[in-house]
Amino acid sequence: MSHKGTPSEVMEMRSEHDSLQSEIDVWRDWWEQLSELGQPHFGEMGTRLNRFRKHLIAHFSHEESLVGINPPDIGIKIAQMQSDHASLLHELDQLIARLTACEPDFGCWGDARRDFERFLDRLGQHETAERELWGQVQ
């Protein structure tokens, strides 16, 4: 029989989602600043994205560990969102690989920026849906 996540677990998860949203906003600001300077920093971007990936893995793992301890309807919805986790990480891996292979040419940077913005949009939508879902857990 499943039991509800404790209030501290629910609050911690809500806090993680808020923190991740703040991090997404910081990424957007940093990426915009780099674009305005017109000087791509492929190596730095790849390194930062690898750290971000590790953060996402920890966050996703924590969410997935709480699936079975929440009401069945919430647990099912969270489990359905888990498939997004693998897809998001795969998309990020592809972006990191592309940045690693990029030469300092404008086209590569422009493509990487577009793809990263798309990734951040998708991650933001995913996190918003999960925040709303965690808001249903009392």
N, C-alpha and C. Protein backbone atom coordinates (compact mmCIF):
# COMPACT_ATOMS: atom_id res chain seq x y z
N MET A 1 0.85 -1.19 0.00
CA MET A 1 0.00 0.00 0.00
C MET A 1 0.88 1.24 0.00
N SER A 2 0.60 2.17 -0.89
CA SER A 2 1.37 3.40 -0.98
C SER A 2 0.96 4.36 0.12
N HIS A 3 1.90 5.19 0.49
CA HIS A 3 1.57 6.26 1.42
C HIS A 3 1.99 7.59 0.82
N LYS A 4 1.42 8.64 1.32
CA LYS A 4 1.70 9.98 0.85
C LYS A 4 3.10 10.40 1.21
N GLY A 5 3.72 11.20 0.34
CA GLY A 5 5.00 11.79 0.69
C GLY A 5 4.83 12.65 1.93
N THR A 6 5.85 12.67 2.77
CA THR A 6 5.76 13.49 3.97
C THR A 6 5.74 14.96 3.57
N PRO A 7 5.20 15.81 4.45
CA PRO A 7 5.20 17.25 4.13
C PRO A 7 6.61 17.78 3.82
N SER A 8 7.61 17.27 4.51
CA SER A 8 8.96 17.75 4.23
C SER A 8 9.44 17.30 2.85
N GLU A 9 9.06 16.09 2.43
CA GLU A 9 9.43 15.62 1.09
C GLU A 9 8.75 16.46 0.02
N VAL A 10 7.50 16.77 0.23
CA VAL A 10 6.75 17.57 -0.73
C VAL A 10 7.34 18.98 -0.79
N MET A 11 7.63 19.57 0.35
CA MET A 11 8.23 20.91 0.37
C MET A 11 9.60 20.91 -0.29
N GLU A 12 10.38 19.86 -0.04
CA GLU A 12 11.70 19.76 -0.65
C GLU A 12 11.59 19.68 -2.17
N MET A 13 10.62 18.90 -2.65
CA MET A 13 10.45 18.77 -4.10
C MET A 13 10.00 20.10 -4.71
N ARG A 14 9.10 20.78 -4.04
CA ARG A 14 8.66 22.09 -4.54
C ARG A 14 9.84 23.06 -4.58
N SER A 15 10.67 23.01 -3.56
CA SER A 15 11.85 23.87 -3.51
C SER A 15 12.83 23.53 -4.63
N GLU A 16 13.00 22.23 -4.90
CA GLU A 16 13.88 21.81 -6.01
C GLU A 16 13.37 22.36 -7.33
N HIS A 17 12.06 22.32 -7.53
CA HIS A 17 11.49 22.84 -8.79
C HIS A 17 11.70 24.34 -8.90
N ASP A 18 11.52 25.06 -7.82
CA ASP A 18 11.76 26.51 -7.83
C ASP A 18 13.22 26.80 -8.13
N SER A 19 14.11 26.04 -7.53
CA SER A 19 15.54 26.22 -7.74
C SER A 19 15.92 25.93 -9.19
N LEU A 20 15.36 24.87 -9.75
CA LEU A 20 15.65 24.53 -11.13
C LEU A 20 15.13 25.60 -12.07
N GLN A 21 13.96 26.15 -11.79
CA GLN A 21 13.44 27.23 -12.63
C GLN A 21 14.36 28.45 -12.56
N SER A 22 14.87 28.75 -11.40
CA SER A 22 15.83 29.86 -11.26
C SER A 22 17.09 29.59 -12.07
N GLU A 23 17.53 28.34 -12.03
CA GLU A 23 18.73 27.97 -12.80
C GLU A 23 18.47 28.11 -14.30
N ILE A 24 17.29 27.74 -14.76
CA ILE A 24 16.94 27.90 -16.17
C ILE A 24 17.01 29.38 -16.55
N ASP A 25 16.49 30.24 -15.68
CA ASP A 25 16.54 31.69 -15.93
C ASP A 25 17.98 32.20 -16.00
N VAL A 26 18.84 31.68 -15.14
CA VAL A 26 20.26 32.07 -15.16
C VAL A 26 20.91 31.62 -16.46
N TRP A 27 20.59 30.40 -16.91
CA TRP A 27 21.11 29.91 -18.18
C TRP A 27 20.71 30.83 -19.32
N ARG A 28 19.44 31.22 -19.34
CA ARG A 28 18.97 32.11 -20.42
C ARG A 28 19.73 33.43 -20.39
N ASP A 29 19.92 34.00 -19.22
CA ASP A 29 20.66 35.27 -19.10
C ASP A 29 22.10 35.12 -19.57
N TRP A 30 22.77 34.05 -19.13
CA TRP A 30 24.17 33.84 -19.49
C TRP A 30 24.30 33.65 -21.00
N TRP A 31 23.40 32.84 -21.55
CA TRP A 31 23.44 32.57 -22.99
C TRP A 31 23.21 33.86 -23.78
N GLU A 32 22.29 34.69 -23.33
CA GLU A 32 22.02 35.98 -23.99
C GLU A 32 23.24 36.89 -23.94
N GLN A 33 23.90 36.93 -22.80
CA GLN A 33 25.10 37.75 -22.66
C GLN A 33 26.20 37.28 -23.62
N LEU A 34 26.39 35.98 -23.71
CA LEU A 34 27.39 35.45 -24.65
C LEU A 34 27.04 35.81 -26.09
N SER A 35 25.79 35.72 -26.42
CA SER A 35 25.35 36.03 -27.77
C SER A 35 25.56 37.49 -28.11
N GLU A 36 25.30 38.36 -27.13
CA GLU A 36 25.50 39.78 -27.36
C GLU A 36 26.97 40.12 -27.57
N LEU A 37 27.85 39.39 -26.88
CA LEU A 37 29.29 39.60 -27.05
C LEU A 37 29.77 39.08 -28.39
N GLY A 38 29.04 38.12 -28.94
CA GLY A 38 29.41 37.57 -30.24
C GLY A 38 30.64 36.68 -30.18
N GLN A 39 31.00 36.22 -29.00
CA GLN A 39 32.17 35.36 -28.86
C GLN A 39 31.77 34.02 -28.26
N PRO A 40 31.57 33.03 -29.10
CA PRO A 40 31.19 31.71 -28.59
C PRO A 40 32.25 31.14 -27.66
N HIS A 41 31.81 30.49 -26.62
CA HIS A 41 32.69 29.82 -25.67
C HIS A 41 32.27 28.35 -25.60
N PHE A 42 32.61 27.61 -26.66
CA PHE A 42 32.14 26.24 -26.77
C PHE A 42 32.60 25.36 -25.61
N GLY A 43 33.89 25.43 -25.28
CA GLY A 43 34.42 24.60 -24.20
C GLY A 43 33.76 24.90 -22.87
N GLU A 44 33.64 26.18 -22.55
CA GLU A 44 33.00 26.57 -21.29
C GLU A 44 31.54 26.13 -21.26
N MET A 45 30.86 26.29 -22.39
CA MET A 45 29.46 25.89 -22.46
C MET A 45 29.31 24.39 -22.25
N GLY A 46 30.17 23.60 -22.89
CA GLY A 46 30.12 22.16 -22.72
C GLY A 46 30.36 21.75 -21.27
N THR A 47 31.34 22.38 -20.62
CA THR A 47 31.64 22.08 -19.22
C THR A 47 30.47 22.44 -18.33
N ARG A 48 29.90 23.61 -18.54
CA ARG A 48 28.75 24.04 -17.73
C ARG A 48 27.55 23.12 -17.96
N LEU A 49 27.33 22.73 -19.19
CA LEU A 49 26.20 21.85 -19.48
C LEU A 49 26.39 20.47 -18.85
N ASN A 50 27.62 19.99 -18.78
CA ASN A 50 27.86 18.72 -18.10
C ASN A 50 27.52 18.81 -16.62
N ARG A 51 27.85 19.93 -15.97
CA ARG A 51 27.48 20.12 -14.57
C ARG A 51 25.96 20.22 -14.43
N PHE A 52 25.32 20.94 -15.34
CA PHE A 52 23.86 21.07 -15.34
C PHE A 52 23.21 19.70 -15.51
N ARG A 53 23.79 18.87 -16.39
CA ARG A 53 23.27 17.52 -16.61
C ARG A 53 23.31 16.72 -15.31
N LYS A 54 24.40 16.81 -14.58
CA LYS A 54 24.51 16.10 -13.30
C LYS A 54 23.43 16.57 -12.32
N HIS A 55 23.17 17.88 -12.32
CA HIS A 55 22.12 18.43 -11.46
C HIS A 55 20.76 17.87 -11.87
N LEU A 56 20.50 17.82 -13.17
CA LEU A 56 19.22 17.29 -13.66
C LEU A 56 19.07 15.81 -13.29
N ILE A 57 20.13 15.04 -13.43
CA ILE A 57 20.06 13.61 -13.08
C ILE A 57 19.68 13.46 -11.61
N ALA A 58 20.31 14.23 -10.73
CA ALA A 58 20.00 14.15 -9.29
C ALA A 58 18.55 14.54 -9.04
N HIS A 59 18.10 15.61 -9.68
CA HIS A 59 16.72 16.08 -9.52
C HIS A 59 15.73 15.03 -10.02
N PHE A 60 15.96 14.52 -11.23
CA PHE A 60 15.05 13.52 -11.78
C PHE A 60 15.03 12.26 -10.92
N SER A 61 16.19 11.83 -10.44
CA SER A 61 16.26 10.63 -9.59
C SER A 61 15.46 10.83 -8.31
N HIS A 62 15.57 12.02 -7.73
CA HIS A 62 14.83 12.31 -6.50
C HIS A 62 13.33 12.24 -6.77
N GLU A 63 12.89 12.85 -7.86
CA GLU A 63 11.46 12.79 -8.21
C GLU A 63 11.00 11.35 -8.38
N GLU A 64 11.78 10.59 -9.11
CA GLU A 64 11.39 9.21 -9.40
C GLU A 64 11.37 8.35 -8.15
N SER A 65 12.19 8.70 -7.17
CA SER A 65 12.19 7.93 -5.92
C SER A 65 10.92 8.15 -5.11
N LEU A 66 10.22 9.24 -5.39
CA LEU A 66 9.01 9.57 -4.63
C LEU A 66 7.72 9.11 -5.29
N VAL A 67 7.82 8.50 -6.47
CA VAL A 67 6.62 8.09 -7.21
C VAL A 67 5.74 7.16 -6.39
N GLY A 68 6.32 6.14 -5.78
CA GLY A 68 5.53 5.13 -5.10
C GLY A 68 5.01 5.54 -3.74
N ILE A 69 5.40 6.71 -3.23
CA ILE A 69 4.97 7.09 -1.89
C ILE A 69 3.91 8.18 -1.90
N ASN A 70 3.33 8.41 -3.05
CA ASN A 70 2.27 9.41 -3.18
C ASN A 70 0.97 8.74 -3.58
N PRO A 71 -0.14 9.44 -3.45
CA PRO A 71 -1.42 8.85 -3.85
C PRO A 71 -1.32 8.28 -5.27
N PRO A 72 -1.99 7.19 -5.54
CA PRO A 72 -1.86 6.52 -6.84
C PRO A 72 -2.05 7.44 -8.04
N ASP A 73 -3.04 8.32 -8.00
CA ASP A 73 -3.28 9.18 -9.17
C ASP A 73 -2.11 10.13 -9.40
N ILE A 74 -1.52 10.64 -8.33
CA ILE A 74 -0.35 11.53 -8.46
C ILE A 74 0.86 10.71 -8.89
N GLY A 75 1.04 9.55 -8.29
CA GLY A 75 2.16 8.68 -8.64
C GLY A 75 2.15 8.29 -10.10
N ILE A 76 0.96 8.00 -10.63
CA ILE A 76 0.83 7.64 -12.04
C ILE A 76 1.23 8.81 -12.93
N LYS A 77 0.77 10.01 -12.60
CA LYS A 77 1.12 11.19 -13.40
C LYS A 77 2.62 11.46 -13.35
N ILE A 78 3.21 11.31 -12.16
CA ILE A 78 4.65 11.52 -12.04
C ILE A 78 5.39 10.47 -12.87
N ALA A 79 4.94 9.23 -12.80
CA ALA A 79 5.57 8.16 -13.57
C ALA A 79 5.48 8.44 -15.07
N GLN A 80 4.36 8.99 -15.52
CA GLN A 80 4.22 9.33 -16.93
C GLN A 80 5.23 10.41 -17.34
N MET A 81 5.52 11.31 -16.42
CA MET A 81 6.48 12.37 -16.73
C MET A 81 7.92 11.86 -16.74
N GLN A 82 8.15 10.68 -16.14
CA GLN A 82 9.49 10.12 -16.12
C GLN A 82 10.03 9.87 -17.51
N SER A 83 9.14 9.51 -18.44
CA SER A 83 9.61 9.27 -19.80
C SER A 83 10.22 10.55 -20.38
N ASP A 84 9.75 11.70 -19.94
CA ASP A 84 10.34 12.96 -20.38
C ASP A 84 11.76 13.11 -19.86
N HIS A 85 12.05 12.56 -18.69
CA HIS A 85 13.38 12.71 -18.10
C HIS A 85 14.45 12.13 -19.03
N ALA A 86 14.24 10.91 -19.48
CA ALA A 86 15.22 10.27 -20.37
C ALA A 86 15.35 11.05 -21.68
N SER A 87 14.23 11.50 -22.20
CA SER A 87 14.24 12.26 -23.45
C SER A 87 14.97 13.60 -23.29
N LEU A 88 14.72 14.28 -22.19
CA LEU A 88 15.40 15.55 -21.93
C LEU A 88 16.91 15.35 -21.78
N LEU A 89 17.31 14.32 -21.06
CA LEU A 89 18.74 14.05 -20.89
C LEU A 89 19.39 13.69 -22.22
N HIS A 90 18.69 12.93 -23.05
CA HIS A 90 19.22 12.58 -24.37
C HIS A 90 19.40 13.83 -25.22
N GLU A 91 18.43 14.70 -25.19
CA GLU A 91 18.51 15.95 -25.95
C GLU A 91 19.69 16.80 -25.47
N LEU A 92 19.88 16.86 -24.16
CA LEU A 92 21.01 17.60 -23.60
C LEU A 92 22.34 16.96 -24.00
N ASP A 93 22.40 15.63 -23.98
CA ASP A 93 23.62 14.93 -24.41
C ASP A 93 23.97 15.26 -25.86
N GLN A 94 22.97 15.31 -26.71
CA GLN A 94 23.21 15.65 -28.12
C GLN A 94 23.74 17.07 -28.26
N LEU A 95 23.19 17.98 -27.47
CA LEU A 95 23.65 19.36 -27.52
C LEU A 95 25.10 19.47 -27.02
N ILE A 96 25.42 18.78 -25.95
CA ILE A 96 26.79 18.79 -25.42
C ILE A 96 27.75 18.23 -26.47
N ALA A 97 27.36 17.14 -27.12
CA ALA A 97 28.21 16.54 -28.16
C ALA A 97 28.42 17.51 -29.31
N ARG A 98 27.36 18.19 -29.70
CA ARG A 98 27.47 19.14 -30.80
C ARG A 98 28.39 20.31 -30.41
N LEU A 99 28.24 20.82 -29.20
CA LEU A 99 29.09 21.93 -28.77
C LEU A 99 30.55 21.50 -28.69
N THR A 100 30.79 20.28 -28.27
CA THR A 100 32.15 19.77 -28.19
C THR A 100 32.78 19.69 -29.58
N ALA A 101 31.98 19.37 -30.58
CA ALA A 101 32.47 19.22 -31.94
C ALA A 101 32.53 20.55 -32.70
N CYS A 102 31.91 21.59 -32.16
CA CYS A 102 31.83 22.88 -32.86
C CYS A 102 33.20 23.52 -33.01
N GLU A 103 33.39 24.06 -34.15
CA GLU A 103 34.52 24.96 -34.40
C GLU A 103 33.97 26.36 -34.23
N PRO A 104 34.84 27.29 -33.94
CA PRO A 104 34.34 28.66 -33.72
C PRO A 104 33.82 29.31 -35.01
N ASP A 105 32.76 28.76 -35.54
CA ASP A 105 32.12 29.44 -36.67
C ASP A 105 30.72 29.86 -36.26
N PHE A 106 30.24 30.90 -36.85
CA PHE A 106 28.99 31.52 -36.45
C PHE A 106 27.81 30.58 -36.59
N GLY A 107 27.77 29.81 -37.68
CA GLY A 107 26.63 28.93 -37.93
C GLY A 107 26.45 27.90 -36.84
N CYS A 108 27.53 27.31 -36.41
CA CYS A 108 27.44 26.29 -35.37
C CYS A 108 26.90 26.89 -34.07
N TRP A 109 27.40 28.05 -33.71
CA TRP A 109 26.96 28.72 -32.49
C TRP A 109 25.49 29.09 -32.58
N GLY A 110 25.08 29.59 -33.74
CA GLY A 110 23.67 29.96 -33.92
C GLY A 110 22.76 28.75 -33.80
N ASP A 111 23.16 27.63 -34.41
CA ASP A 111 22.38 26.40 -34.30
C ASP A 111 22.33 25.92 -32.86
N ALA A 112 23.48 25.97 -32.19
CA ALA A 112 23.54 25.52 -30.80
C ALA A 112 22.65 26.39 -29.93
N ARG A 113 22.67 27.68 -30.18
CA ARG A 113 21.83 28.59 -29.38
C ARG A 113 20.35 28.27 -29.58
N ARG A 114 19.96 28.10 -30.83
CA ARG A 114 18.56 27.78 -31.13
C ARG A 114 18.14 26.48 -30.44
N ASP A 115 18.99 25.46 -30.55
CA ASP A 115 18.67 24.17 -29.95
C ASP A 115 18.65 24.24 -28.43
N PHE A 116 19.56 25.03 -27.86
CA PHE A 116 19.58 25.17 -26.41
C PHE A 116 18.35 25.91 -25.91
N GLU A 117 17.95 26.95 -26.62
CA GLU A 117 16.72 27.68 -26.26
C GLU A 117 15.52 26.73 -26.32
N ARG A 118 15.47 25.91 -27.35
CA ARG A 118 14.38 24.94 -27.48
C ARG A 118 14.41 23.95 -26.31
N PHE A 119 15.61 23.49 -25.95
CA PHE A 119 15.75 22.59 -24.82
C PHE A 119 15.26 23.26 -23.53
N LEU A 120 15.69 24.51 -23.29
CA LEU A 120 15.27 25.22 -22.08
C LEU A 120 13.76 25.42 -22.05
N ASP A 121 13.17 25.71 -23.21
CA ASP A 121 11.70 25.86 -23.27
C ASP A 121 11.03 24.54 -22.89
N ARG A 122 11.51 23.45 -23.45
CA ARG A 122 10.91 22.14 -23.17
C ARG A 122 11.10 21.76 -21.70
N LEU A 123 12.30 21.99 -21.18
CA LEU A 123 12.56 21.69 -19.77
C LEU A 123 11.68 22.56 -18.87
N GLY A 124 11.55 23.84 -19.21
CA GLY A 124 10.71 24.74 -18.43
C GLY A 124 9.26 24.29 -18.41
N GLN A 125 8.74 23.87 -19.55
CA GLN A 125 7.36 23.38 -19.62
C GLN A 125 7.20 22.11 -18.78
N HIS A 126 8.18 21.24 -18.87
CA HIS A 126 8.15 20.00 -18.09
C HIS A 126 8.15 20.32 -16.59
N GLU A 127 9.02 21.21 -16.18
CA GLU A 127 9.12 21.56 -14.76
C GLU A 127 7.87 22.28 -14.27
N THR A 128 7.27 23.12 -15.10
CA THR A 128 6.03 23.80 -14.72
C THR A 128 4.92 22.77 -14.48
N ALA A 129 4.81 21.80 -15.38
CA ALA A 129 3.80 20.75 -15.22
C ALA A 129 4.05 19.95 -13.93
N GLU A 130 5.31 19.66 -13.65
CA GLU A 130 5.62 18.92 -12.43
C GLU A 130 5.37 19.76 -11.18
N ARG A 131 5.69 21.04 -11.23
CA ARG A 131 5.42 21.92 -10.08
C ARG A 131 3.92 21.94 -9.78
N GLU A 132 3.11 22.03 -10.83
CA GLU A 132 1.66 22.01 -10.65
C GLU A 132 1.22 20.68 -10.05
N LEU A 133 1.81 19.60 -10.51
CA LEU A 133 1.48 18.29 -9.98
C LEU A 133 1.87 18.18 -8.50
N TRP A 134 3.07 18.63 -8.15
CA TRP A 134 3.49 18.59 -6.75
C TRP A 134 2.64 19.51 -5.90
N GLY A 135 2.07 20.54 -6.51
CA GLY A 135 1.17 21.42 -5.77
C GLY A 135 -0.12 20.72 -5.35
N GLN A 136 -0.45 19.63 -6.04
CA GLN A 136 -1.66 18.86 -5.70
C GLN A 136 -1.43 17.93 -4.51
N VAL A 137 -0.15 17.67 -4.20
CA VAL A 137 0.17 16.76 -3.09
C VAL A 137 0.15 17.56 -1.80
N GLN A 138 -0.65 17.15 -0.88
CA GLN A 138 -0.78 17.87 0.39
C GLN A 138 -0.05 17.17 1.50
